[in-house]
C-alpha atoms as a PDB file:
ATOM      1  CA  MET A   1       9.411 -46.822 -27.700  1.00  0.00           C
ATOM      2  CA  SER A   2      10.034 -47.442 -24.093  1.00  0.00           C
ATOM      3  CA  LEU A   3       8.492 -45.653 -21.303  1.00  0.00           C
ATOM      4  CA  PHE A   4      11.970 -44.281 -20.227  1.00  0.00           C
ATOM      5  CA  ALA A   5      12.092 -42.647 -23.787  1.00  0.00           C
ATOM      6  CA  THR A   6       8.687 -41.223 -23.371  1.00  0.00           C
ATOM      7  CA  LEU A   7       9.758 -39.465 -20.064  1.00  0.00           C
ATOM      8  CA  SER A   8      12.922 -38.266 -21.602  1.00  0.00           C
ATOM      9  CA  ILE A   9      10.968 -36.576 -24.499  1.00  0.00           C
ATOM     10  CA  ALA A  10       8.513 -34.966 -22.086  1.00  0.00           C
ATOM     11  CA  GLY A  11      11.271 -33.895 -19.840  1.00  0.00           C
ATOM     12  CA  SER A  12      13.214 -32.345 -22.624  1.00  0.00           C
ATOM     13  CA  GLY A  13       9.965 -30.581 -23.655  1.00  0.00           C
ATOM     14  CA  MET A  14       9.516 -29.384 -20.214  1.00  0.00           C
ATOM     15  CA  SER A  15      12.998 -27.962 -20.085  1.00  0.00           C
ATOM     16  CA  ALA A  16      12.821 -26.211 -23.382  1.00  0.00           C
ATOM     17  CA  GLU A  17       9.629 -24.739 -22.495  1.00  0.00           C
ATOM     18  CA  SER A  18      10.860 -23.556 -19.044  1.00  0.00           C
ATOM     19  CA  GLU A  19      13.925 -21.729 -20.854  1.00  0.00           C
ATOM     20  CA  ARG A  20      11.183 -19.944 -23.262  1.00  0.00           C
ATOM     21  CA  LEU A  21       9.297 -19.015 -20.128  1.00  0.00           C
ATOM     22  CA  SER A  22      12.464 -17.310 -18.298  1.00  0.00           C
ATOM     23  CA  ALA A  23      13.078 -15.420 -21.804  1.00  0.00           C
ATOM     24  CA  ILE A  24       9.550 -14.282 -21.919  1.00  0.00           C
ATOM     25  CA  ALA A  25       9.751 -12.989 -18.619  1.00  0.00           C
ATOM     26  CA  SER A  26      13.037 -11.081 -19.165  1.00  0.00           C
ATOM     27  CA  ASN A  27      11.346  -9.664 -22.113  1.00  0.00           C
ATOM     28  CA  ILE A  28       8.327  -8.494 -20.082  1.00  0.00           C
ATOM     29  CA  ALA A  29      10.410  -7.121 -17.114  1.00  0.00           C
ATOM     30  CA  ASN A  30      12.425  -4.844 -19.386  1.00  0.00           C
ATOM     31  CA  ALA A  31       9.555  -3.963 -21.672  1.00  0.00           C
ATOM     32  CA  ASN A  32       9.951  -0.244 -20.409  1.00  0.00           C
ATOM     33  CA  SER A  33      13.558   0.205 -19.690  1.00  0.00           C
ATOM     34  CA  ALA A  34      15.038   2.966 -21.589  1.00  0.00           C
ATOM     35  CA  VAL A  35      18.687   1.664 -21.766  1.00  0.00           C
ATOM     36  CA  GLY A  36      20.578  -1.632 -21.323  1.00  0.00           C
ATOM     37  CA  SER A  37      23.979  -2.726 -21.206  1.00  0.00           C
ATOM     38  CA  GLY A  38      26.381  -0.806 -23.448  1.00  0.00           C
ATOM     39  CA  GLY A  39      24.041   2.253 -23.721  1.00  0.00           C
ATOM     40  CA  GLN A  40      21.679   0.479 -26.164  1.00  0.00           C
ATOM     41  CA  PRO A  41      17.932  -0.252 -25.507  1.00  0.00           C
ATOM     42  CA  TYR A  42      16.950  -4.010 -24.373  1.00  0.00           C
ATOM     43  CA  ARG A  43      16.498  -6.261 -27.526  1.00  0.00           C
ATOM     44  CA  ALA A  44      13.617  -9.056 -27.058  1.00  0.00           C
ATOM     45  CA  ARG A  45      15.147 -12.326 -26.355  1.00  0.00           C
ATOM     46  CA  GLU A  46      13.893 -15.274 -28.760  1.00  0.00           C
ATOM     47  CA  VAL A  47      14.402 -18.874 -27.770  1.00  0.00           C
ATOM     48  CA  VAL A  48      15.160 -21.205 -30.772  1.00  0.00           C
ATOM     49  CA  PHE A  49      14.070 -24.788 -30.473  1.00  0.00           C
ATOM     50  CA  GLN A  50      15.695 -27.624 -32.141  1.00  0.00           C
ATOM     51  CA  ALA A  51      14.964 -31.608 -32.321  1.00  0.00           C
ATOM     52  CA  ALA A  52      17.213 -33.757 -30.216  1.00  0.00           C
ATOM     53  CA  SER A  53      17.709 -37.400 -30.337  1.00  0.00           C
ATOM     54  CA  ILE A  54      16.856 -39.201 -27.024  1.00  0.00           C
ATOM     55  CA  ALA A  55      19.776 -41.242 -26.089  1.00  0.00           C
ATOM     56  CA  GLY A  56      19.537 -44.586 -23.618  1.00  0.00           C
ATOM     57  CA  ASP A  57      16.620 -46.430 -25.266  1.00  0.00           C
ATOM     58  CA  ASP A  58      16.532 -49.515 -23.055  1.00  0.00           C
ATOM     59  CA  ASP A  59      15.786 -52.063 -25.795  1.00  0.00           C
ATOM     60  CA  GLY A  60      19.042 -51.440 -27.485  1.00  0.00           C
ATOM     61  CA  ASN A  61      17.746 -49.903 -30.781  1.00  0.00           C
ATOM     62  CA  ASP A  62      17.382 -46.432 -31.802  1.00  0.00           C
ATOM     63  CA  GLU A  63      13.805 -46.507 -33.107  1.00  0.00           C
ATOM     64  CA  THR A  64      13.302 -43.018 -31.559  1.00  0.00           C
ATOM     65  CA  SER A  65      15.286 -41.493 -34.239  1.00  0.00           C
ATOM     66  CA  SER A  66      14.074 -43.247 -37.265  1.00  0.00           C
ATOM     67  CA  ALA A  67      10.247 -43.132 -36.026  1.00  0.00           C
ATOM     68  CA  GLY A  68      10.414 -39.328 -35.568  1.00  0.00           C
ATOM     69  CA  MET A  69      10.421 -39.265 -31.854  1.00  0.00           C
ATOM     70  CA  ASP A  70      12.890 -37.091 -30.993  1.00  0.00           C
ATOM     71  CA  GLY A  71      12.938 -34.682 -28.199  1.00  0.00           C
ATOM     72  CA  VAL A  72      13.723 -30.996 -28.254  1.00  0.00           C
ATOM     73  CA  ARG A  73      16.346 -28.683 -27.003  1.00  0.00           C
ATOM     74  CA  VAL A  74      17.115 -24.920 -26.852  1.00  0.00           C
ATOM     75  CA  ALA A  75      19.361 -24.175 -29.779  1.00  0.00           C
ATOM     76  CA  ALA A  76      19.958 -20.863 -29.078  1.00  0.00           C
ATOM     77  CA  VAL A  77      18.693 -17.649 -27.410  1.00  0.00           C
ATOM     78  CA  VAL A  78      18.859 -15.072 -30.027  1.00  0.00           C
ATOM     79  CA  GLU A  79      18.158 -11.315 -29.821  1.00  0.00           C
ATOM     80  CA  SER A  80      15.120 -10.049 -31.992  1.00  0.00           C
ATOM     81  CA  ASP A  81      15.966  -8.045 -35.035  1.00  0.00           C
ATOM     82  CA  ALA A  82      12.807  -6.114 -34.744  1.00  0.00           C
ATOM     83  CA  PRO A  83      13.128  -2.295 -34.885  1.00  0.00           C
ATOM     84  CA  THR A  84      13.353  -0.337 -31.371  1.00  0.00           C
ATOM     85  CA  ARG A  85      10.587   1.689 -30.603  1.00  0.00           C
ATOM     86  CA  THR A  86      11.235   5.734 -30.494  1.00  0.00           C
ATOM     87  CA  VAL A  87       9.289   7.677 -27.694  1.00  0.00           C
ATOM     88  CA  TYR A  88       9.231  11.181 -27.406  1.00  0.00           C
ATOM     89  CA  ASP A  89      10.336  12.291 -24.038  1.00  0.00           C
ATOM     90  CA  PRO A  90      12.426  15.373 -23.822  1.00  0.00           C
ATOM     91  CA  THR A  91      12.924  15.158 -20.129  1.00  0.00           C
ATOM     92  CA  SER A  92      14.640  11.826 -20.163  1.00  0.00           C
ATOM     93  CA  THR A  93      18.381  11.676 -19.526  1.00  0.00           C
ATOM     94  CA  TYR A  94      18.578   9.262 -22.196  1.00  0.00           C
ATOM     95  CA  ALA A  95      16.975  11.570 -25.020  1.00  0.00           C
ATOM     96  CA  ASP A  96      18.874  12.440 -27.932  1.00  0.00           C
ATOM     97  CA  ALA A  97      19.143  15.952 -29.281  1.00  0.00           C
ATOM     98  CA  ASN A  98      15.441  16.032 -30.575  1.00  0.00           C
ATOM     99  CA  GLY A  99      13.969  14.631 -27.484  1.00  0.00           C
ATOM    100  CA  TYR A 100      13.783  11.074 -28.624  1.00  0.00           C
ATOM    101  CA  VAL A 101      14.389   8.076 -26.740  1.00  0.00           C
ATOM    102  CA  GLN A 102      15.048   4.561 -28.113  1.00  0.00           C
ATOM    103  CA  MET A 103      13.034   2.031 -26.216  1.00  0.00           C
ATOM    104  CA  PRO A 104      12.992  -1.745 -26.450  1.00  0.00           C
ATOM    105  CA  ASN A 105      11.495  -3.832 -29.186  1.00  0.00           C
ATOM    106  CA  VAL A 106       9.451  -5.709 -26.646  1.00  0.00           C
ATOM    107  CA  ASN A 107       5.386  -5.729 -27.494  1.00  0.00           C
ATOM    108  CA  PRO A 108       3.961  -6.828 -24.058  1.00  0.00           C
ATOM    109  CA  VAL A 109       0.907  -8.074 -25.587  1.00  0.00           C
ATOM    110  CA  ASP A 110       2.888 -10.612 -27.989  1.00  0.00           C
ATOM    111  CA  GLU A 111       4.813 -11.632 -24.752  1.00  0.00           C
ATOM    112  CA  MET A 112       1.766 -12.468 -23.032  1.00  0.00           C
ATOM    113  CA  VAL A 113       0.425 -14.425 -25.890  1.00  0.00           C
ATOM    114  CA  ASN A 114       3.650 -16.213 -26.161  1.00  0.00           C
ATOM    115  CA  MET A 115       3.619 -16.808 -22.274  1.00  0.00           C
ATOM    116  CA  ILE A 116      -0.024 -18.392 -22.390  1.00  0.00           C
ATOM    117  CA  SER A 117       1.507 -20.729 -25.440  1.00  0.00           C
ATOM    118  CA  ALA A 118       4.482 -21.662 -23.330  1.00  0.00           C
ATOM    119  CA  GLN A 119       2.618 -22.430 -20.232  1.00  0.00           C
ATOM    120  CA  GLN A 120       0.137 -24.589 -22.094  1.00  0.00           C
ATOM    121  CA  ASP A 121       3.054 -26.603 -23.875  1.00  0.00           C
ATOM    122  CA  TYR A 122       4.767 -26.894 -20.556  1.00  0.00           C
ATOM    123  CA  GLN A 123       1.475 -28.459 -18.997  1.00  0.00           C
ATOM    124  CA  ALA A 124       1.052 -30.732 -22.120  1.00  0.00           C
ATOM    125  CA  ASN A 125       4.537 -32.228 -21.469  1.00  0.00           C
ATOM    126  CA  LEU A 126       4.029 -32.361 -17.601  1.00  0.00           C
ATOM    127  CA  GLU A 127       0.833 -34.430 -18.353  1.00  0.00           C
ATOM    128  CA  ALA A 128       2.531 -36.814 -20.743  1.00  0.00           C
ATOM    129  CA  PHE A 129       5.475 -37.321 -18.151  1.00  0.00           C
ATOM    130  CA  ASN A 130       3.040 -38.019 -15.469  1.00  0.00           C
ATOM    131  CA  VAL A 131       0.976 -40.602 -17.622  1.00  0.00           C
ATOM    132  CA  ALA A 132       4.057 -42.438 -18.605  1.00  0.00           C
ATOM    133  CA  LYS A 133       5.375 -42.201 -14.887  1.00  0.00           C
ATOM    134  CA  THR A 134       1.626 -43.698 -13.737  1.00  0.00           C
ATOM    135  CA  LEU A 135       2.083 -46.479 -16.360  1.00  0.00           C
ATOM    136  CA  ALA A 136       5.765 -47.429 -15.270  1.00  0.00           C
ATOM    137  CA  GLN A 137       4.441 -47.560 -11.515  1.00  0.00           C
ATOM    138  CA  ARG A 138       1.466 -49.837 -12.458  1.00  0.00           C
ATOM    139  CA  THR A 139       3.622 -52.058 -14.633  1.00  0.00           C
ATOM    140  CA  LEU A 140       6.351 -52.369 -11.579  1.00  0.00           C
ATOM    141  CA  SER A 141       3.208 -53.326  -9.077  1.00  0.00           C
ATOM    142  CA  ILE A 142       2.158 -56.094 -11.240  1.00  0.00           C
END
């Protein structure tokens, strides 16, 4: 595998994790919003990753696909199908006839765990990218 393929794979991982962090930030920001667009409560966003072949291997063959060295891409950002929370708040303007308000299906503790995981994954990809970059620079200086 070439150094450029390594850079592409690590870069695709950083890009995907950045998208995941953005979705997590949106979830945390809307965790306590009573109503979203269309009068429905906010639904948590989840990022779906998919393997993506890295094109442009500089030695002319595509060993990255045959060796399982594919990158990653965001296939979709989907709404969670978890049920919304029901909170009793008869003073809310969004309360139903019984005084209950539908709240988002966001669990802030789960989102914080996901955020830590995404940050660590991003950091690991960044470290791999920097190692490959350093190797390329040293190779060029020879």
